[in-house]
N, C-alpha and C. Protein backbone atom coordinates (compact mmCIF):
# COMPACT_ATOMS: atom_id res chain seq x y z
N MET A 1 0.84 -1.20 0.00
CA MET A 1 0.00 0.00 0.00
C MET A 1 0.87 1.25 0.00
N ASN A 2 0.66 2.12 -0.96
CA ASN A 2 1.38 3.38 -1.04
C ASN A 2 1.08 4.23 0.18
N GLU A 3 2.13 4.75 0.84
CA GLU A 3 1.91 5.55 2.05
C GLU A 3 1.20 6.86 1.74
N ASN A 4 1.12 7.23 0.46
CA ASN A 4 0.42 8.45 0.06
C ASN A 4 -1.07 8.21 -0.15
N THR A 5 -1.51 6.98 0.04
CA THR A 5 -2.93 6.64 -0.16
C THR A 5 -3.71 6.87 1.13
N GLY A 6 -4.78 7.66 1.03
CA GLY A 6 -5.64 7.88 2.19
C GLY A 6 -6.73 6.84 2.28
N ILE A 7 -7.43 6.59 1.17
CA ILE A 7 -8.52 5.61 1.13
C ILE A 7 -8.30 4.67 -0.04
N SER A 8 -8.43 3.37 0.21
CA SER A 8 -8.39 2.39 -0.86
C SER A 8 -9.52 1.39 -0.64
N ALA A 9 -10.40 1.27 -1.62
CA ALA A 9 -11.46 0.26 -1.61
C ALA A 9 -11.29 -0.57 -2.87
N MET A 10 -11.00 -1.85 -2.70
CA MET A 10 -10.66 -2.69 -3.84
C MET A 10 -11.64 -3.85 -3.98
N HIS A 11 -12.32 -3.89 -5.12
CA HIS A 11 -13.21 -5.01 -5.51
C HIS A 11 -14.25 -5.30 -4.42
N ILE A 12 -15.00 -4.24 -4.08
CA ILE A 12 -15.97 -4.33 -2.99
C ILE A 12 -17.31 -4.85 -3.50
N TYR A 13 -17.82 -5.84 -2.77
CA TYR A 13 -19.16 -6.37 -3.02
C TYR A 13 -19.96 -6.24 -1.72
N LYS A 14 -21.19 -5.73 -1.85
CA LYS A 14 -22.07 -5.65 -0.69
C LYS A 14 -23.50 -5.90 -1.13
N SER A 15 -24.16 -6.84 -0.45
CA SER A 15 -25.54 -7.19 -0.76
C SER A 15 -26.39 -7.09 0.49
N PHE A 16 -27.68 -6.89 0.25
CA PHE A 16 -28.68 -6.95 1.32
C PHE A 16 -29.73 -7.95 0.85
N GLY A 17 -29.68 -9.14 1.45
CA GLY A 17 -30.54 -10.21 0.97
C GLY A 17 -30.14 -10.59 -0.45
N LYS A 18 -31.10 -10.58 -1.36
CA LYS A 18 -30.81 -10.94 -2.74
C LYS A 18 -30.40 -9.73 -3.59
N GLU A 19 -30.40 -8.54 -2.99
CA GLU A 19 -30.09 -7.33 -3.73
C GLU A 19 -28.61 -6.97 -3.58
N THR A 20 -27.87 -6.97 -4.67
CA THR A 20 -26.47 -6.57 -4.68
C THR A 20 -26.40 -5.06 -4.93
N VAL A 21 -25.88 -4.32 -3.97
CA VAL A 21 -25.80 -2.87 -4.08
C VAL A 21 -24.44 -2.44 -4.63
N LEU A 22 -23.38 -3.10 -4.16
CA LEU A 22 -22.04 -2.82 -4.66
C LEU A 22 -21.50 -4.06 -5.34
N ARG A 23 -21.10 -3.90 -6.59
CA ARG A 23 -20.59 -5.03 -7.36
C ARG A 23 -19.22 -4.67 -7.94
N ASP A 24 -18.18 -5.21 -7.34
CA ASP A 24 -16.80 -5.03 -7.82
C ASP A 24 -16.44 -3.54 -7.94
N VAL A 25 -16.67 -2.80 -6.85
CA VAL A 25 -16.37 -1.37 -6.82
C VAL A 25 -14.95 -1.16 -6.30
N SER A 26 -14.16 -0.38 -7.02
CA SER A 26 -12.80 -0.06 -6.60
C SER A 26 -12.60 1.46 -6.65
N LEU A 27 -11.91 1.99 -5.66
CA LEU A 27 -11.71 3.43 -5.55
C LEU A 27 -10.45 3.69 -4.73
N THR A 28 -9.61 4.60 -5.20
CA THR A 28 -8.42 5.00 -4.46
C THR A 28 -8.36 6.52 -4.40
N VAL A 29 -8.17 7.04 -3.18
CA VAL A 29 -8.06 8.49 -2.98
C VAL A 29 -6.74 8.77 -2.26
N LYS A 30 -5.91 9.59 -2.86
CA LYS A 30 -4.63 9.94 -2.25
C LYS A 30 -4.81 10.99 -1.17
N ARG A 31 -3.82 11.07 -0.29
CA ARG A 31 -3.81 12.14 0.70
C ARG A 31 -3.74 13.48 -0.03
N GLY A 32 -4.50 14.44 0.45
CA GLY A 32 -4.52 15.74 -0.19
C GLY A 32 -5.38 15.81 -1.43
N GLU A 33 -6.24 14.82 -1.63
CA GLU A 33 -7.17 14.81 -2.75
C GLU A 33 -8.61 14.88 -2.25
N ILE A 34 -9.47 15.48 -3.09
CA ILE A 34 -10.91 15.40 -2.89
C ILE A 34 -11.47 14.58 -4.05
N ALA A 35 -12.09 13.46 -3.70
CA ALA A 35 -12.71 12.59 -4.70
C ALA A 35 -14.21 12.77 -4.63
N GLY A 36 -14.85 12.87 -5.80
CA GLY A 36 -16.29 13.00 -5.85
C GLY A 36 -16.96 11.68 -6.15
N LEU A 37 -18.06 11.42 -5.45
CA LEU A 37 -18.92 10.27 -5.73
C LEU A 37 -20.21 10.79 -6.32
N VAL A 38 -20.54 10.34 -7.51
CA VAL A 38 -21.79 10.77 -8.14
C VAL A 38 -22.55 9.54 -8.60
N GLY A 39 -23.85 9.70 -8.75
CA GLY A 39 -24.69 8.59 -9.20
C GLY A 39 -26.12 8.80 -8.75
N ASN A 40 -27.03 8.12 -9.40
CA ASN A 40 -28.44 8.23 -9.05
C ASN A 40 -28.71 7.61 -7.68
N ASN A 41 -29.85 7.96 -7.10
CA ASN A 41 -30.27 7.32 -5.86
C ASN A 41 -30.33 5.81 -6.06
N GLY A 42 -29.82 5.08 -5.09
CA GLY A 42 -29.80 3.63 -5.19
C GLY A 42 -28.56 3.06 -5.83
N SER A 43 -27.62 3.95 -6.21
CA SER A 43 -26.40 3.47 -6.88
C SER A 43 -25.35 2.99 -5.89
N GLY A 44 -25.57 3.22 -4.59
CA GLY A 44 -24.67 2.65 -3.58
C GLY A 44 -23.66 3.63 -3.00
N LYS A 45 -23.81 4.92 -3.24
CA LYS A 45 -22.84 5.89 -2.72
C LYS A 45 -22.76 5.84 -1.20
N THR A 46 -23.92 5.91 -0.55
CA THR A 46 -23.93 5.91 0.92
C THR A 46 -23.48 4.56 1.47
N VAL A 47 -23.85 3.47 0.80
CA VAL A 47 -23.42 2.14 1.26
C VAL A 47 -21.90 2.03 1.18
N LEU A 48 -21.30 2.51 0.10
CA LEU A 48 -19.84 2.47 -0.01
C LEU A 48 -19.20 3.30 1.10
N MET A 49 -19.75 4.47 1.37
CA MET A 49 -19.20 5.31 2.44
C MET A 49 -19.30 4.60 3.80
N LYS A 50 -20.41 3.94 4.05
CA LYS A 50 -20.58 3.22 5.31
C LYS A 50 -19.60 2.05 5.42
N CYS A 51 -19.29 1.42 4.30
CA CYS A 51 -18.28 0.35 4.30
C CYS A 51 -16.90 0.92 4.63
N ILE A 52 -16.57 2.06 4.04
CA ILE A 52 -15.27 2.68 4.31
C ILE A 52 -15.15 3.08 5.77
N CYS A 53 -16.26 3.55 6.35
CA CYS A 53 -16.26 3.95 7.76
C CYS A 53 -16.26 2.76 8.72
N GLY A 54 -16.54 1.57 8.21
CA GLY A 54 -16.60 0.39 9.07
C GLY A 54 -17.97 0.11 9.64
N PHE A 55 -18.98 0.87 9.22
CA PHE A 55 -20.34 0.66 9.73
C PHE A 55 -21.00 -0.55 9.08
N LEU A 56 -20.60 -0.87 7.85
CA LEU A 56 -21.06 -2.06 7.14
C LEU A 56 -19.85 -2.87 6.72
N ARG A 57 -20.00 -4.18 6.68
CA ARG A 57 -18.92 -5.06 6.26
C ARG A 57 -19.23 -5.62 4.87
N PRO A 58 -18.38 -5.40 3.91
CA PRO A 58 -18.60 -5.99 2.59
C PRO A 58 -18.38 -7.50 2.62
N GLU A 59 -19.06 -8.21 1.72
CA GLU A 59 -18.86 -9.66 1.64
C GLU A 59 -17.51 -10.00 1.01
N ARG A 60 -17.08 -9.17 0.09
CA ARG A 60 -15.80 -9.40 -0.60
C ARG A 60 -15.09 -8.08 -0.78
N GLY A 61 -13.76 -8.16 -0.92
CA GLY A 61 -12.97 -6.96 -1.15
C GLY A 61 -12.25 -6.50 0.09
N GLU A 62 -11.41 -5.51 -0.09
CA GLU A 62 -10.60 -4.99 1.02
C GLU A 62 -10.62 -3.47 1.02
N ILE A 63 -10.81 -2.91 2.20
CA ILE A 63 -10.81 -1.45 2.38
C ILE A 63 -9.70 -1.08 3.35
N THR A 64 -8.88 -0.12 2.97
CA THR A 64 -7.87 0.41 3.88
C THR A 64 -8.05 1.91 3.97
N VAL A 65 -7.83 2.42 5.17
CA VAL A 65 -7.87 3.86 5.42
C VAL A 65 -6.58 4.23 6.15
N CYS A 66 -5.79 5.08 5.52
CA CYS A 66 -4.49 5.47 6.06
C CYS A 66 -3.63 4.24 6.37
N GLY A 67 -3.70 3.26 5.49
CA GLY A 67 -2.84 2.09 5.58
C GLY A 67 -3.34 0.98 6.47
N LYS A 68 -4.47 1.14 7.14
CA LYS A 68 -5.01 0.10 8.03
C LYS A 68 -6.26 -0.52 7.41
N ARG A 69 -6.30 -1.86 7.41
CA ARG A 69 -7.40 -2.59 6.80
C ARG A 69 -8.61 -2.59 7.74
N ILE A 70 -9.73 -2.09 7.23
CA ILE A 70 -10.93 -2.01 8.03
C ILE A 70 -11.51 -3.42 8.20
N GLY A 71 -11.79 -3.77 9.46
CA GLY A 71 -12.30 -5.10 9.77
C GLY A 71 -11.21 -6.10 10.07
N LYS A 72 -9.93 -5.70 9.87
CA LYS A 72 -8.81 -6.59 10.16
C LYS A 72 -7.81 -5.91 11.11
N ASP A 73 -7.22 -4.83 10.65
CA ASP A 73 -6.31 -4.09 11.54
C ASP A 73 -7.08 -3.24 12.55
N CYS A 74 -8.28 -2.80 12.17
CA CYS A 74 -9.12 -2.00 13.05
C CYS A 74 -10.56 -2.14 12.59
N ASP A 75 -11.50 -1.89 13.50
CA ASP A 75 -12.92 -1.96 13.15
C ASP A 75 -13.39 -0.68 12.47
N PHE A 76 -12.82 0.44 12.89
CA PHE A 76 -13.18 1.74 12.34
C PHE A 76 -11.91 2.55 12.11
N PRO A 77 -11.90 3.43 11.11
CA PRO A 77 -10.72 4.29 10.92
C PRO A 77 -10.47 5.14 12.17
N GLU A 78 -9.19 5.33 12.49
CA GLU A 78 -8.84 6.02 13.72
C GLU A 78 -8.98 7.53 13.63
N SER A 79 -8.74 8.10 12.47
CA SER A 79 -8.76 9.55 12.32
C SER A 79 -9.72 9.92 11.20
N LEU A 80 -11.01 9.93 11.57
CA LEU A 80 -12.07 10.06 10.57
C LEU A 80 -13.11 11.06 11.04
N GLY A 81 -13.52 11.95 10.14
CA GLY A 81 -14.67 12.80 10.36
C GLY A 81 -15.70 12.50 9.30
N LEU A 82 -16.97 12.53 9.65
CA LEU A 82 -17.96 12.11 8.67
C LEU A 82 -19.29 12.80 8.84
N ILE A 83 -19.96 12.94 7.71
CA ILE A 83 -21.39 13.27 7.65
C ILE A 83 -22.01 12.23 6.73
N ILE A 84 -22.85 11.39 7.30
CA ILE A 84 -23.59 10.41 6.51
C ILE A 84 -25.05 10.55 6.89
N GLU A 85 -25.88 10.92 5.91
CA GLU A 85 -27.29 11.18 6.13
C GLU A 85 -27.42 12.45 7.00
N THR A 86 -28.58 12.73 7.51
CA THR A 86 -28.82 14.00 8.21
C THR A 86 -28.15 13.98 9.59
N PRO A 87 -27.30 14.98 9.89
CA PRO A 87 -26.68 15.01 11.22
C PRO A 87 -27.75 15.09 12.31
N GLY A 88 -27.57 14.30 13.36
CA GLY A 88 -28.53 14.28 14.46
C GLY A 88 -27.94 14.84 15.75
N PHE A 89 -28.64 15.78 16.36
CA PHE A 89 -28.20 16.36 17.62
C PHE A 89 -29.40 16.47 18.55
N LEU A 90 -29.14 16.47 19.86
CA LEU A 90 -30.22 16.65 20.83
C LEU A 90 -30.70 18.10 20.76
N PRO A 91 -31.99 18.31 20.50
CA PRO A 91 -32.48 19.68 20.30
C PRO A 91 -32.38 20.57 21.53
N SER A 92 -32.31 19.96 22.72
CA SER A 92 -32.27 20.77 23.94
C SER A 92 -30.89 21.33 24.24
N LEU A 93 -29.85 20.77 23.62
CA LEU A 93 -28.49 21.24 23.88
C LEU A 93 -28.14 22.39 22.96
N SER A 94 -27.27 23.26 23.43
CA SER A 94 -26.76 24.33 22.57
C SER A 94 -25.79 23.75 21.55
N GLY A 95 -25.48 24.55 20.53
CA GLY A 95 -24.51 24.10 19.54
C GLY A 95 -23.17 23.77 20.19
N TYR A 96 -22.71 24.64 21.06
CA TYR A 96 -21.43 24.38 21.73
C TYR A 96 -21.51 23.12 22.58
N ARG A 97 -22.57 22.99 23.38
CA ARG A 97 -22.67 21.84 24.28
C ARG A 97 -22.80 20.54 23.48
N SER A 98 -23.44 20.60 22.32
CA SER A 98 -23.55 19.41 21.48
C SER A 98 -22.17 18.92 21.07
N LEU A 99 -21.33 19.84 20.60
CA LEU A 99 -19.98 19.46 20.19
C LEU A 99 -19.14 19.05 21.39
N ARG A 100 -19.31 19.73 22.50
CA ARG A 100 -18.54 19.39 23.71
C ARG A 100 -18.86 17.98 24.17
N THR A 101 -20.14 17.60 24.11
CA THR A 101 -20.55 16.25 24.51
C THR A 101 -19.93 15.20 23.61
N LEU A 102 -19.94 15.44 22.31
CA LEU A 102 -19.34 14.49 21.37
C LEU A 102 -17.82 14.43 21.54
N ALA A 103 -17.19 15.58 21.75
CA ALA A 103 -15.74 15.61 21.91
C ALA A 103 -15.30 14.86 23.16
N ALA A 104 -16.15 14.84 24.20
CA ALA A 104 -15.79 14.17 25.45
C ALA A 104 -15.68 12.66 25.29
N LEU A 105 -16.29 12.11 24.23
CA LEU A 105 -16.24 10.67 24.02
C LEU A 105 -14.82 10.18 23.79
N ARG A 106 -14.00 11.01 23.13
CA ARG A 106 -12.62 10.60 22.85
C ARG A 106 -11.59 11.45 23.59
N GLY A 107 -11.99 12.60 24.05
CA GLY A 107 -11.10 13.42 24.86
C GLY A 107 -9.89 13.97 24.12
N LYS A 108 -10.02 14.17 22.81
CA LYS A 108 -8.88 14.65 22.03
C LYS A 108 -8.79 16.17 21.98
N ILE A 109 -9.93 16.84 22.13
CA ILE A 109 -9.93 18.30 22.03
C ILE A 109 -10.71 18.90 23.19
N GLY A 110 -10.53 20.20 23.40
CA GLY A 110 -11.23 20.89 24.47
C GLY A 110 -11.97 22.11 23.97
N LYS A 111 -12.25 23.03 24.89
CA LYS A 111 -13.08 24.20 24.60
C LYS A 111 -12.51 25.06 23.48
N ALA A 112 -11.21 25.30 23.51
CA ALA A 112 -10.61 26.20 22.52
C ALA A 112 -10.80 25.68 21.10
N GLU A 113 -10.56 24.38 20.91
CA GLU A 113 -10.71 23.80 19.57
C GLU A 113 -12.17 23.81 19.10
N ILE A 114 -13.09 23.58 20.03
CA ILE A 114 -14.50 23.59 19.67
C ILE A 114 -14.95 24.99 19.26
N LEU A 115 -14.57 25.99 20.04
CA LEU A 115 -14.94 27.36 19.69
C LEU A 115 -14.32 27.79 18.37
N ASP A 116 -13.09 27.38 18.13
CA ASP A 116 -12.45 27.72 16.86
C ASP A 116 -13.19 27.08 15.69
N THR A 117 -13.64 25.84 15.87
CA THR A 117 -14.39 25.16 14.82
C THR A 117 -15.72 25.85 14.57
N LEU A 118 -16.40 26.27 15.62
CA LEU A 118 -17.66 26.99 15.45
C LEU A 118 -17.45 28.29 14.67
N ARG A 119 -16.32 28.95 14.90
CA ARG A 119 -16.01 30.15 14.11
C ARG A 119 -15.83 29.79 12.64
N ARG A 120 -15.16 28.69 12.37
CA ARG A 120 -14.85 28.30 11.00
C ARG A 120 -16.11 28.00 10.19
N VAL A 121 -17.14 27.50 10.85
CA VAL A 121 -18.37 27.18 10.13
C VAL A 121 -19.43 28.26 10.28
N GLY A 122 -19.08 29.38 10.93
CA GLY A 122 -20.00 30.50 11.03
C GLY A 122 -21.08 30.37 12.08
N LEU A 123 -20.83 29.58 13.12
CA LEU A 123 -21.82 29.38 14.17
C LEU A 123 -21.38 29.92 15.52
N TYR A 124 -20.29 30.66 15.57
CA TYR A 124 -19.80 31.12 16.87
C TYR A 124 -20.84 31.97 17.59
N ASP A 125 -21.49 32.88 16.87
CA ASP A 125 -22.47 33.77 17.51
C ASP A 125 -23.71 33.02 17.96
N ALA A 126 -23.95 31.82 17.39
CA ALA A 126 -25.12 31.02 17.75
C ALA A 126 -24.74 29.85 18.65
N ARG A 127 -23.56 29.91 19.24
CA ARG A 127 -23.05 28.76 20.00
C ARG A 127 -23.89 28.45 21.24
N ARG A 128 -24.55 29.45 21.81
CA ARG A 128 -25.34 29.22 23.03
C ARG A 128 -26.81 28.93 22.73
N LYS A 129 -27.20 29.05 21.49
CA LYS A 129 -28.59 28.79 21.11
C LYS A 129 -28.83 27.28 21.06
N SER A 130 -30.01 26.84 21.50
CA SER A 130 -30.32 25.41 21.46
C SER A 130 -30.46 24.96 20.01
N VAL A 131 -30.01 23.74 19.76
CA VAL A 131 -30.03 23.21 18.40
C VAL A 131 -31.47 23.12 17.88
N GLY A 132 -32.44 22.93 18.77
CA GLY A 132 -33.84 22.89 18.37
C GLY A 132 -34.31 24.19 17.72
N LYS A 133 -33.59 25.27 17.96
CA LYS A 133 -33.93 26.57 17.37
C LYS A 133 -33.05 26.89 16.15
N TYR A 134 -32.19 25.96 15.79
CA TYR A 134 -31.36 26.15 14.60
C TYR A 134 -32.19 25.91 13.34
N SER A 135 -31.87 26.63 12.28
CA SER A 135 -32.44 26.33 10.97
C SER A 135 -31.80 25.05 10.42
N LEU A 136 -32.36 24.54 9.33
CA LEU A 136 -31.78 23.36 8.69
C LEU A 136 -30.34 23.62 8.30
N GLY A 137 -30.06 24.78 7.73
CA GLY A 137 -28.71 25.11 7.33
C GLY A 137 -27.75 25.20 8.50
N MET A 138 -28.22 25.73 9.62
CA MET A 138 -27.37 25.82 10.81
C MET A 138 -27.05 24.43 11.36
N ARG A 139 -28.04 23.54 11.34
CA ARG A 139 -27.79 22.17 11.80
C ARG A 139 -26.78 21.48 10.88
N GLN A 140 -26.89 21.78 9.58
CA GLN A 140 -25.95 21.17 8.64
C GLN A 140 -24.53 21.69 8.91
N ARG A 141 -24.41 22.98 9.18
CA ARG A 141 -23.09 23.53 9.51
C ARG A 141 -22.56 22.93 10.81
N LEU A 142 -23.44 22.68 11.77
CA LEU A 142 -23.01 22.03 13.01
C LEU A 142 -22.51 20.62 12.72
N GLY A 143 -23.16 19.95 11.76
CA GLY A 143 -22.69 18.63 11.35
C GLY A 143 -21.29 18.70 10.75
N ILE A 144 -21.05 19.71 9.93
CA ILE A 144 -19.71 19.90 9.36
C ILE A 144 -18.70 20.18 10.48
N ALA A 145 -19.10 21.00 11.45
CA ALA A 145 -18.22 21.28 12.58
C ALA A 145 -17.86 20.00 13.33
N GLN A 146 -18.86 19.16 13.57
CA GLN A 146 -18.61 17.89 14.26
C GLN A 146 -17.62 17.03 13.48
N ALA A 147 -17.74 17.06 12.15
CA ALA A 147 -16.87 16.21 11.32
C ALA A 147 -15.42 16.67 11.35
N ILE A 148 -15.19 17.97 11.44
CA ILE A 148 -13.82 18.49 11.32
C ILE A 148 -13.16 18.87 12.63
N MET A 149 -13.92 18.89 13.73
CA MET A 149 -13.41 19.53 14.95
C MET A 149 -12.18 18.83 15.54
N GLU A 150 -12.02 17.53 15.33
CA GLU A 150 -10.88 16.81 15.89
C GLU A 150 -9.71 16.71 14.91
N ASN A 151 -9.78 17.51 13.84
CA ASN A 151 -8.70 17.58 12.86
C ASN A 151 -8.36 16.21 12.28
N PRO A 152 -9.37 15.49 11.76
CA PRO A 152 -9.12 14.13 11.25
C PRO A 152 -8.32 14.14 9.95
N ASP A 153 -7.67 13.01 9.68
CA ASP A 153 -6.91 12.87 8.43
C ASP A 153 -7.82 12.61 7.23
N VAL A 154 -8.99 12.00 7.50
CA VAL A 154 -9.90 11.59 6.43
C VAL A 154 -11.29 12.13 6.73
N LEU A 155 -11.95 12.65 5.69
CA LEU A 155 -13.33 13.11 5.80
C LEU A 155 -14.20 12.36 4.80
N ILE A 156 -15.33 11.82 5.29
CA ILE A 156 -16.33 11.17 4.45
C ILE A 156 -17.59 12.03 4.55
N LEU A 157 -17.96 12.67 3.45
CA LEU A 157 -19.02 13.68 3.49
C LEU A 157 -20.10 13.33 2.47
N ASP A 158 -21.27 12.96 2.97
CA ASP A 158 -22.40 12.57 2.13
C ASP A 158 -23.38 13.74 2.08
N GLU A 159 -23.41 14.44 0.95
CA GLU A 159 -24.28 15.60 0.76
C GLU A 159 -24.12 16.60 1.91
N PRO A 160 -22.91 17.11 2.16
CA PRO A 160 -22.68 17.96 3.34
C PRO A 160 -23.28 19.35 3.24
N PHE A 161 -23.70 19.79 2.02
CA PHE A 161 -24.18 21.15 1.85
C PHE A 161 -25.69 21.24 1.77
N ASN A 162 -26.40 20.18 2.11
CA ASN A 162 -27.86 20.21 2.09
C ASN A 162 -28.38 21.32 3.00
N GLY A 163 -29.32 22.11 2.49
CA GLY A 163 -29.95 23.13 3.32
C GLY A 163 -29.18 24.42 3.45
N LEU A 164 -28.01 24.52 2.82
CA LEU A 164 -27.19 25.73 2.94
C LEU A 164 -27.53 26.70 1.81
N ASP A 165 -27.53 28.00 2.13
CA ASP A 165 -27.74 28.99 1.09
C ASP A 165 -26.45 29.15 0.27
N ALA A 166 -26.56 29.87 -0.84
CA ALA A 166 -25.44 29.95 -1.78
C ALA A 166 -24.18 30.54 -1.14
N ALA A 167 -24.35 31.57 -0.31
CA ALA A 167 -23.19 32.20 0.31
C ALA A 167 -22.49 31.24 1.26
N THR A 168 -23.27 30.47 2.03
CA THR A 168 -22.67 29.52 2.97
C THR A 168 -22.02 28.37 2.24
N VAL A 169 -22.64 27.91 1.14
CA VAL A 169 -22.02 26.86 0.35
C VAL A 169 -20.65 27.31 -0.13
N ALA A 170 -20.54 28.54 -0.60
CA ALA A 170 -19.25 29.06 -1.05
C ALA A 170 -18.23 29.05 0.08
N GLU A 171 -18.67 29.42 1.29
CA GLU A 171 -17.76 29.41 2.45
C GLU A 171 -17.32 28.00 2.78
N MET A 172 -18.24 27.03 2.72
CA MET A 172 -17.91 25.66 3.07
C MET A 172 -17.02 25.02 2.00
N ARG A 173 -17.20 25.41 0.74
CA ARG A 173 -16.29 24.93 -0.30
C ARG A 173 -14.87 25.42 -0.02
N THR A 174 -14.75 26.68 0.35
CA THR A 174 -13.43 27.22 0.69
C THR A 174 -12.82 26.48 1.86
N LEU A 175 -13.65 26.15 2.85
CA LEU A 175 -13.17 25.39 4.00
C LEU A 175 -12.63 24.03 3.57
N LEU A 176 -13.35 23.33 2.69
CA LEU A 176 -12.88 22.02 2.24
C LEU A 176 -11.59 22.13 1.44
N LEU A 177 -11.47 23.17 0.63
CA LEU A 177 -10.22 23.36 -0.12
C LEU A 177 -9.06 23.67 0.82
N ASP A 178 -9.33 24.38 1.90
CA ASP A 178 -8.29 24.62 2.90
C ASP A 178 -7.85 23.31 3.55
N LEU A 179 -8.82 22.46 3.86
CA LEU A 179 -8.49 21.16 4.46
C LEU A 179 -7.70 20.29 3.49
N LYS A 180 -8.08 20.34 2.22
CA LYS A 180 -7.32 19.62 1.20
C LYS A 180 -5.87 20.10 1.18
N ALA A 181 -5.66 21.41 1.25
CA ALA A 181 -4.31 21.97 1.22
C ALA A 181 -3.49 21.52 2.42
N GLN A 182 -4.18 21.15 3.50
CA GLN A 182 -3.49 20.64 4.70
C GLN A 182 -3.15 19.16 4.57
N GLY A 183 -3.54 18.54 3.45
CA GLY A 183 -3.23 17.13 3.22
C GLY A 183 -4.32 16.17 3.61
N LYS A 184 -5.53 16.68 3.90
CA LYS A 184 -6.63 15.79 4.26
C LYS A 184 -7.10 15.00 3.03
N THR A 185 -7.58 13.79 3.28
CA THR A 185 -8.21 12.96 2.26
C THR A 185 -9.71 13.12 2.39
N ILE A 186 -10.38 13.51 1.31
CA ILE A 186 -11.81 13.82 1.39
C ILE A 186 -12.57 13.05 0.31
N LEU A 187 -13.61 12.33 0.73
CA LEU A 187 -14.52 11.67 -0.19
C LEU A 187 -15.87 12.37 -0.06
N LEU A 188 -16.35 12.93 -1.16
CA LEU A 188 -17.52 13.80 -1.16
C LEU A 188 -18.58 13.27 -2.11
N ALA A 189 -19.79 13.06 -1.60
CA ALA A 189 -20.93 12.73 -2.46
C ALA A 189 -21.82 13.95 -2.54
N SER A 190 -22.18 14.33 -3.76
CA SER A 190 -23.04 15.49 -3.94
C SER A 190 -23.82 15.34 -5.23
N HIS A 191 -25.08 15.80 -5.19
CA HIS A 191 -25.89 15.87 -6.40
C HIS A 191 -25.69 17.19 -7.14
N ASN A 192 -24.92 18.10 -6.53
CA ASN A 192 -24.69 19.41 -7.12
C ASN A 192 -23.46 19.37 -8.02
N ALA A 193 -23.67 19.53 -9.31
CA ALA A 193 -22.56 19.44 -10.26
C ALA A 193 -21.49 20.49 -9.99
N GLU A 194 -21.90 21.66 -9.48
CA GLU A 194 -20.93 22.72 -9.20
C GLU A 194 -20.02 22.34 -8.03
N ASP A 195 -20.56 21.66 -7.02
CA ASP A 195 -19.72 21.15 -5.94
C ASP A 195 -18.62 20.25 -6.50
N ILE A 196 -19.02 19.32 -7.35
CA ILE A 196 -18.09 18.36 -7.92
C ILE A 196 -17.05 19.07 -8.79
N ARG A 197 -17.52 19.99 -9.65
CA ARG A 197 -16.60 20.69 -10.55
C ARG A 197 -15.61 21.55 -9.78
N THR A 198 -16.08 22.23 -8.74
CA THR A 198 -15.25 23.17 -8.00
C THR A 198 -14.25 22.49 -7.09
N LEU A 199 -14.66 21.38 -6.49
CA LEU A 199 -13.88 20.81 -5.39
C LEU A 199 -13.05 19.58 -5.76
N CYS A 200 -13.52 18.77 -6.70
CA CYS A 200 -12.98 17.41 -6.80
C CYS A 200 -11.82 17.29 -7.80
N ASP A 201 -10.82 16.52 -7.39
CA ASP A 201 -9.69 16.21 -8.26
C ASP A 201 -10.09 15.16 -9.30
N PHE A 202 -10.97 14.26 -8.93
CA PHE A 202 -11.51 13.29 -9.88
C PHE A 202 -12.86 12.82 -9.37
N VAL A 203 -13.60 12.17 -10.25
CA VAL A 203 -14.98 11.75 -9.94
C VAL A 203 -15.10 10.26 -10.19
N HIS A 204 -15.73 9.57 -9.24
CA HIS A 204 -16.06 8.15 -9.41
C HIS A 204 -17.57 8.04 -9.56
N GLU A 205 -18.01 7.56 -10.72
CA GLU A 205 -19.44 7.48 -10.99
C GLU A 205 -19.97 6.10 -10.57
N MET A 206 -21.00 6.11 -9.73
CA MET A 206 -21.63 4.89 -9.28
C MET A 206 -22.84 4.60 -10.15
N GLU A 207 -23.07 3.33 -10.43
CA GLU A 207 -24.22 2.94 -11.23
C GLU A 207 -25.08 1.95 -10.47
N VAL A 208 -26.38 2.03 -10.70
CA VAL A 208 -27.30 1.09 -10.07
C VAL A 208 -27.04 -0.30 -10.63
N THR A 209 -26.82 -1.29 -9.74
CA THR A 209 -26.57 -2.65 -10.19
C THR A 209 -27.88 -3.31 -10.56
N VAL A 210 -27.79 -4.24 -11.48
CA VAL A 210 -28.99 -4.98 -11.93
C VAL A 210 -28.71 -6.46 -11.89
């Protein structure tokens, strides 16, 4: 395995009952690259992302993240930030307290890093507001904050810009390009062609299996 490889998924097969969702899917993303995943609903984008994260186990194939084989060397990638499906937070907690609670699970970061992340996603002024009073776009930005706050080496982002207005999307694109410049490996699924064109070094097209 090339030490410059962030994500490698080789000859992945995944089925649910008699339905094969992933059939011989291979993908390699180098460190410092943003790879785009595109395809119609049902083409397996989210399933592939869940396999890379270790949430699902493929029947065949091998996945490595930062040189470690998922399901063999480790169950889950060690340095991973992710948004898969709609980010979920307790509505009664503030934005800051939501991130603080999640950060306490691993104890890698503290108050300063959390506040800095909230600034980066434009939620610092709303940090004390309960998440239940956040708009859809604010909750999505909080999800992005949760994904990046521990400075992970790899980001798996499934439609991360849902609910964001055009100005915020532009800000979040700049944020991802900054992370890329820092050497992060990013796998991005988006239905927005402009996201893919602006951000991605290459595109992997998923097709519905039959």
